[in-house]
Amino acid sequence: MGNRLYVGNLNFRVSDVDLERTFAAYGTVKLAQVVMDRETGRSRGFGFVEMGSDQEAQAAIAGLNGKEIDGRSLTVNEARPPEKRGGGGFGGESRRGGGRRY
């Protein structure tokens, strides 16, 4: 278990400070960040929180997952690293000809 959490289904008015205050009841908050749209500058409705320890992160999940805040039921779980996206097909061996070189 890690201490970095994903927080989904946030009300679009929730700020980083609001997120930090909500999670502070469960321990030390090292980072609280609402993800914003680059083009509009508006909240995308989710964010990430880094707690001080794994135990604090577990307590926050237990206490906040499914809890209604500002009219929205939160989704709180362990954050997963972003998935790698597949490449465009350049730089690897050719799929044709079984790898033979001419």
Protein backbone atom coordinates (compact mmCIF):
# COMPACT_ATOMS: atom_id res chain seq x y z
CA MET A 1 0.00 0.00 0.00
CA GLY A 2 1.23 3.47 -0.81
CA ASN A 3 0.45 6.77 0.82
CA ARG A 4 -0.60 8.51 -2.43
CA LEU A 5 -4.36 8.56 -2.95
CA TYR A 6 -6.69 9.21 -5.86
CA VAL A 7 -9.77 11.27 -5.00
CA GLY A 8 -12.57 11.21 -7.56
CA ASN A 9 -16.04 12.71 -8.02
CA LEU A 10 -15.04 16.03 -6.45
CA ASN A 11 -17.38 18.98 -6.62
CA PHE A 12 -15.93 21.38 -9.20
CA ARG A 13 -15.71 24.14 -6.56
CA VAL A 14 -13.31 22.12 -4.32
CA SER A 15 -9.84 23.69 -4.08
CA ASP A 16 -6.47 22.29 -3.02
CA VAL A 17 -6.99 23.88 0.42
CA ASP A 18 -10.43 22.27 0.79
CA LEU A 19 -8.96 18.89 -0.12
CA GLU A 20 -6.13 19.31 2.38
CA ARG A 21 -8.54 20.26 5.18
CA THR A 22 -10.75 17.25 4.47
CA PHE A 23 -7.87 14.76 4.60
CA ALA A 24 -6.07 16.43 7.56
CA ALA A 25 -8.59 14.77 9.90
CA TYR A 26 -6.86 11.45 9.06
CA GLY A 27 -3.22 12.49 9.48
CA THR A 28 -0.45 14.57 7.95
CA VAL A 29 -1.17 15.77 4.42
CA LYS A 30 2.05 16.20 2.44
CA LEU A 31 0.31 17.17 -0.81
CA ALA A 32 -3.26 17.92 -1.85
CA GLN A 33 -3.87 18.77 -5.48
CA VAL A 34 -7.04 19.14 -7.52
CA VAL A 35 -6.32 18.40 -11.20
CA MET A 36 -7.20 21.34 -13.42
CA ASP A 37 -7.97 21.46 -17.14
CA ARG A 38 -5.04 23.10 -18.94
CA GLU A 39 -7.19 24.97 -21.43
CA THR A 40 -10.05 26.19 -19.25
CA GLY A 41 -8.36 26.35 -15.85
CA ARG A 42 -11.38 24.60 -14.29
CA SER A 43 -11.34 21.56 -12.06
CA ARG A 44 -11.53 18.16 -13.77
CA GLY A 45 -13.37 16.73 -10.75
CA PHE A 46 -10.54 14.63 -9.32
CA GLY A 47 -7.28 15.05 -7.49
CA PHE A 48 -4.47 13.43 -5.54
CA VAL A 49 -3.52 13.49 -1.88
CA GLU A 50 -0.26 12.28 -0.38
CA MET A 51 -0.55 11.31 3.27
CA GLY A 52 2.32 11.12 5.78
CA SER A 53 2.19 7.33 6.11
CA ASP A 54 0.52 4.22 4.76
CA GLN A 55 -1.55 3.94 7.94
CA GLU A 56 -2.87 7.48 7.52
CA ALA A 57 -3.69 6.76 3.89
CA GLN A 58 -5.64 3.63 4.91
CA ALA A 59 -7.52 5.64 7.55
CA ALA A 60 -8.43 8.29 4.95
CA ILE A 61 -9.70 5.64 2.52
CA ALA A 62 -11.78 4.01 5.26
CA GLY A 63 -13.17 7.34 6.43
CA LEU A 64 -13.78 9.14 3.15
CA ASN A 65 -14.46 6.61 0.38
CA GLY A 66 -18.18 6.89 -0.38
CA LYS A 67 -18.66 9.86 1.95
CA GLU A 68 -20.80 12.66 0.59
CA ILE A 69 -19.06 16.04 0.50
CA ASP A 70 -20.58 19.09 -1.20
CA GLY A 71 -23.35 16.91 -2.64
CA ARG A 72 -20.99 14.36 -4.25
CA SER A 73 -20.06 10.88 -3.06
CA LEU A 74 -16.24 10.69 -3.04
CA THR A 75 -14.17 7.89 -4.53
CA VAL A 76 -10.96 7.50 -2.53
CA ASN A 77 -8.44 4.76 -3.23
CA GLU A 78 -4.75 4.12 -3.70
CA ALA A 79 -3.35 6.04 -6.66
CA ARG A 80 -1.84 3.91 -9.39
CA PRO A 81 1.06 5.00 -11.59
CA PRO A 82 0.00 6.20 -15.05
CA GLU A 83 -0.11 3.50 -17.70
CA LYS A 84 2.48 3.62 -20.43
CA ARG A 85 1.01 4.38 -23.80
CA GLY A 86 1.98 2.29 -26.80
CA GLY A 87 4.37 3.79 -29.30
CA GLY A 88 3.67 4.58 -32.91
CA GLY A 89 5.48 1.53 -34.23
CA PHE A 90 8.82 3.18 -35.00
CA GLY A 91 12.13 2.08 -33.54
CA GLY A 92 11.35 -1.60 -33.15
CA GLU A 93 11.97 -4.58 -35.35
CA SER A 94 9.86 -4.81 -38.45
CA ARG A 95 6.89 -7.12 -38.16
CA ARG A 96 7.25 -8.10 -41.80
CA GLY A 97 9.75 -10.66 -43.01
CA GLY A 98 10.36 -12.23 -39.59
CA GLY A 99 13.09 -9.76 -38.72
CA ARG A 100 15.25 -10.60 -41.76
CA ARG A 101 17.43 -7.83 -43.05
CA TYR A 102 17.93 -7.29 -46.76
